[in-house]
C-alpha atoms as a PDB file:
ATOM      1  CA  UNK A   1      35.199 -37.156   6.708  1.00  0.00           C
ATOM      2  CA  UNK A   2      34.743 -33.391   5.878  1.00  0.00           C
ATOM      3  CA  UNK A   3      35.006 -30.817   8.130  1.00  0.00           C
ATOM      4  CA  UNK A   4      31.915 -28.812   6.765  1.00  0.00           C
ATOM      5  CA  UNK A   5      29.721 -27.220   9.689  1.00  0.00           C
ATOM      6  CA  UNK A   6      32.778 -27.124  12.301  1.00  0.00           C
ATOM      7  CA  UNK A   7      34.231 -24.113  13.414  1.00  0.00           C
ATOM      8  CA  UNK A   8      37.482 -22.448  12.058  1.00  0.00           C
ATOM      9  CA  UNK A   9      40.276 -22.216  14.390  1.00  0.00           C
ATOM     10  CA  UNK A  10      41.114 -18.920  15.739  1.00  0.00           C
ATOM     11  CA  UNK A  11      43.133 -16.480  14.410  1.00  0.00           C
ATOM     12  CA  UNK A  12      46.868 -16.208  15.521  1.00  0.00           C
ATOM     13  CA  UNK A  13      47.527 -13.702  18.360  1.00  0.00           C
ATOM     14  CA  UNK A  14      49.256 -10.723  17.404  1.00  0.00           C
ATOM     15  CA  UNK A  15      48.409  -6.805  17.431  1.00  0.00           C
ATOM     16  CA  UNK A  16      46.420  -7.192  13.961  1.00  0.00           C
ATOM     17  CA  UNK A  17      48.936  -5.090  12.367  1.00  0.00           C
ATOM     18  CA  UNK A  18      49.338  -7.489   9.218  1.00  0.00           C
ATOM     19  CA  UNK A  19      52.251  -9.219   8.024  1.00  0.00           C
ATOM     20  CA  UNK A  20      55.874  -7.547   9.125  1.00  0.00           C
ATOM     21  CA  UNK A  21      54.496  -5.384  11.198  1.00  0.00           C
ATOM     22  CA  UNK A  22      53.301  -3.092   8.611  1.00  0.00           C
ATOM     23  CA  UNK A  23      50.223  -0.763   9.554  1.00  0.00           C
ATOM     24  CA  UNK A  24      47.079  -2.099   8.933  1.00  0.00           C
ATOM     25  CA  UNK A  25      45.168  -0.787   5.305  1.00  0.00           C
ATOM     26  CA  UNK A  26      42.695   2.162   5.990  1.00  0.00           C
ATOM     27  CA  UNK A  27      39.068   1.394   6.793  1.00  0.00           C
ATOM     28  CA  UNK A  28      37.441  -0.051   3.862  1.00  0.00           C
ATOM     29  CA  UNK A  29      40.762  -0.995   2.007  1.00  0.00           C
ATOM     30  CA  UNK A  30      40.954   2.281  -0.124  1.00  0.00           C
ATOM     31  CA  UNK A  31      43.889   4.601  -0.524  1.00  0.00           C
ATOM     32  CA  UNK A  32      44.234   7.843   1.417  1.00  0.00           C
ATOM     33  CA  UNK A  33      45.552  11.019   0.157  1.00  0.00           C
ATOM     34  CA  UNK A  34      49.236  11.907   1.141  1.00  0.00           C
ATOM     35  CA  UNK A  35      49.020  14.264   4.109  1.00  0.00           C
ATOM     36  CA  UNK A  36      51.408  17.177   2.699  1.00  0.00           C
ATOM     37  CA  UNK A  37      49.673  16.813  -0.893  1.00  0.00           C
ATOM     38  CA  UNK A  38      47.319  20.051  -0.787  1.00  0.00           C
ATOM     39  CA  UNK A  39      50.314  21.625   0.869  1.00  0.00           C
ATOM     40  CA  UNK A  40      52.971  21.116  -1.711  1.00  0.00           C
ATOM     41  CA  UNK A  41      50.155  22.385  -4.493  1.00  0.00           C
ATOM     42  CA  UNK A  42      49.304  25.734  -2.781  1.00  0.00           C
ATOM     43  CA  UNK A  43      53.269  26.282  -2.006  1.00  0.00           C
ATOM     44  CA  UNK A  44      53.601  25.510  -5.819  1.00  0.00           C
ATOM     45  CA  UNK A  45      50.671  28.111  -6.670  1.00  0.00           C
ATOM     46  CA  UNK A  46      51.882  30.792  -4.165  1.00  0.00           C
ATOM     47  CA  UNK A  47      55.350  30.692  -5.662  1.00  0.00           C
ATOM     48  CA  UNK A  48      54.130  31.612  -9.532  1.00  0.00           C
ATOM     49  CA  UNK A  49      51.587  34.142  -7.792  1.00  0.00           C
ATOM     50  CA  UNK A  50      53.288  36.150  -5.176  1.00  0.00           C
ATOM     51  CA  UNK A  51      56.541  34.402  -3.659  1.00  0.00           C
ATOM     52  CA  UNK A  52      59.133  32.937  -5.935  1.00  0.00           C
ATOM     53  CA  UNK A  53      60.828  31.281  -2.811  1.00  0.00           C
ATOM     54  CA  UNK A  54      58.308  29.259  -1.932  1.00  0.00           C
ATOM     55  CA  UNK A  55      59.010  27.106  -4.908  1.00  0.00           C
ATOM     56  CA  UNK A  56      62.274  25.773  -3.184  1.00  0.00           C
ATOM     57  CA  UNK A  57      60.001  24.464  -0.488  1.00  0.00           C
ATOM     58  CA  UNK A  58      57.489  22.991  -2.926  1.00  0.00           C
ATOM     59  CA  UNK A  59      60.145  21.373  -5.050  1.00  0.00           C
ATOM     60  CA  UNK A  60      62.072  19.872  -2.002  1.00  0.00           C
ATOM     61  CA  UNK A  61      58.961  18.786  -0.023  1.00  0.00           C
ATOM     62  CA  UNK A  62      57.184  17.102  -3.363  1.00  0.00           C
ATOM     63  CA  UNK A  63      60.675  15.253  -3.776  1.00  0.00           C
ATOM     64  CA  UNK A  64      60.437  13.650  -0.223  1.00  0.00           C
ATOM     65  CA  UNK A  65      56.753  13.102  -0.783  1.00  0.00           C
ATOM     66  CA  UNK A  66      57.061  11.276  -4.310  1.00  0.00           C
ATOM     67  CA  UNK A  67      59.273   9.090  -2.614  1.00  0.00           C
ATOM     68  CA  UNK A  68      57.131   8.304   0.344  1.00  0.00           C
ATOM     69  CA  UNK A  69      54.380   7.506  -2.148  1.00  0.00           C
ATOM     70  CA  UNK A  70      56.368   5.537  -4.488  1.00  0.00           C
ATOM     71  CA  UNK A  71      57.892   3.480  -1.504  1.00  0.00           C
ATOM     72  CA  UNK A  72      54.538   2.386  -0.748  1.00  0.00           C
ATOM     73  CA  UNK A  73      52.630   1.769  -3.979  1.00  0.00           C
ATOM     74  CA  UNK A  74      48.726   1.549  -3.819  1.00  0.00           C
ATOM     75  CA  UNK A  75      48.494   3.511  -0.483  1.00  0.00           C
ATOM     76  CA  UNK A  76      48.094   7.082  -1.675  1.00  0.00           C
ATOM     77  CA  UNK A  77      45.841   8.522  -4.268  1.00  0.00           C
ATOM     78  CA  UNK A  78      46.883  11.931  -4.725  1.00  0.00           C
ATOM     79  CA  UNK A  79      50.637  11.764  -6.734  1.00  0.00           C
ATOM     80  CA  UNK A  80      49.494  13.784  -9.436  1.00  0.00           C
ATOM     81  CA  UNK A  81      48.568  16.672  -6.868  1.00  0.00           C
ATOM     82  CA  UNK A  82      52.439  16.150  -5.457  1.00  0.00           C
ATOM     83  CA  UNK A  83      53.784  15.898  -9.193  1.00  0.00           C
ATOM     84  CA  UNK A  84      51.725  19.010 -10.156  1.00  0.00           C
ATOM     85  CA  UNK A  85      52.841  21.088  -6.598  1.00  0.00           C
ATOM     86  CA  UNK A  86      56.331  19.999  -7.577  1.00  0.00           C
ATOM     87  CA  UNK A  87      56.397  21.087 -11.118  1.00  0.00           C
ATOM     88  CA  UNK A  88      55.087  24.538 -10.035  1.00  0.00           C
ATOM     89  CA  UNK A  89      57.963  24.843  -7.229  1.00  0.00           C
ATOM     90  CA  UNK A  90      60.391  24.258 -10.159  1.00  0.00           C
ATOM     91  CA  UNK A  91      58.815  26.997 -12.401  1.00  0.00           C
ATOM     92  CA  UNK A  92      58.821  29.153  -9.596  1.00  0.00           C
ATOM     93  CA  UNK A  93      62.468  28.604  -8.963  1.00  0.00           C
ATOM     94  CA  UNK A  94      63.106  29.201 -12.651  1.00  0.00           C
ATOM     95  CA  UNK A  95      61.311  32.351 -12.217  1.00  0.00           C
ATOM     96  CA  UNK A  96      62.899  33.183  -9.342  1.00  0.00           C
ATOM     97  CA  UNK A  97      66.658  33.139 -10.671  1.00  0.00           C
ATOM     98  CA  UNK A  98      65.397  34.849 -13.700  1.00  0.00           C
ATOM     99  CA  UNK A  99      64.454  37.769 -11.395  1.00  0.00           C
ATOM    100  CA  UNK A 100      67.664  37.679  -9.678  1.00  0.00           C
ATOM    101  CA  UNK A 101      69.573  37.728 -13.051  1.00  0.00           C
ATOM    102  CA  UNK A 102      67.483  40.528 -13.994  1.00  0.00           C
ATOM    103  CA  UNK A 103      68.154  42.634 -11.156  1.00  0.00           C
ATOM    104  CA  UNK A 104      71.747  41.679 -11.104  1.00  0.00           C
ATOM    105  CA  UNK A 105      71.614  42.925 -15.122  1.00  0.00           C
ATOM    106  CA  UNK A 106      70.025  46.247 -14.269  1.00  0.00           C
ATOM    107  CA  UNK A 107      72.342  47.036 -10.946  1.00  0.00           C
ATOM    108  CA  UNK A 108      75.137  45.991 -13.315  1.00  0.00           C
ATOM    109  CA  UNK A 109      73.893  48.407 -16.272  1.00  0.00           C
ATOM    110  CA  UNK A 110      73.244  51.076 -13.438  1.00  0.00           C
ATOM    111  CA  UNK A 111      76.712  51.227 -12.667  1.00  0.00           C
ATOM    112  CA  UNK A 112      78.086  51.062 -15.788  1.00  0.00           C
ATOM    113  CA  UNK A 113      75.891  53.857 -17.017  1.00  0.00           C
ATOM    114  CA  UNK A 114      76.711  56.097 -14.024  1.00  0.00           C
ATOM    115  CA  UNK A 115      75.515  59.531 -12.932  1.00  0.00           C
ATOM    116  CA  UNK A 116      75.913  62.069 -15.388  1.00  0.00           C
ATOM    117  CA  UNK A 117      74.320  64.734 -13.321  1.00  0.00           C
ATOM    118  CA  UNK A 118      76.606  67.483 -11.936  1.00  0.00           C
ATOM    119  CA  UNK A 119      75.661  69.537  -9.184  1.00  0.00           C
END
């Protein structure tokens, strides 16, 4: 009366994509890194070191990557790297705004003081 020793039924036909047509998990069932994680981190670091406008790109790309990571929990392993790059991008944007304010302030002071030299 038991089916012990009999062959199991064949798997259902399909593309092997899993439930609801989702892509199969990565090999070994582990997590993968988000493809833009290191780019976001590098842009965030560069926004602090040499080019503050890159902070805008790091912030925008970081937001979209975090949305993708949150949409598929358990798939990506580098959420912290994306968050760090996004935060560095925010700091770079703040420095950019402070630099623009500083330039405008110095330009305003130069205009107010005027030139006192006469030919």
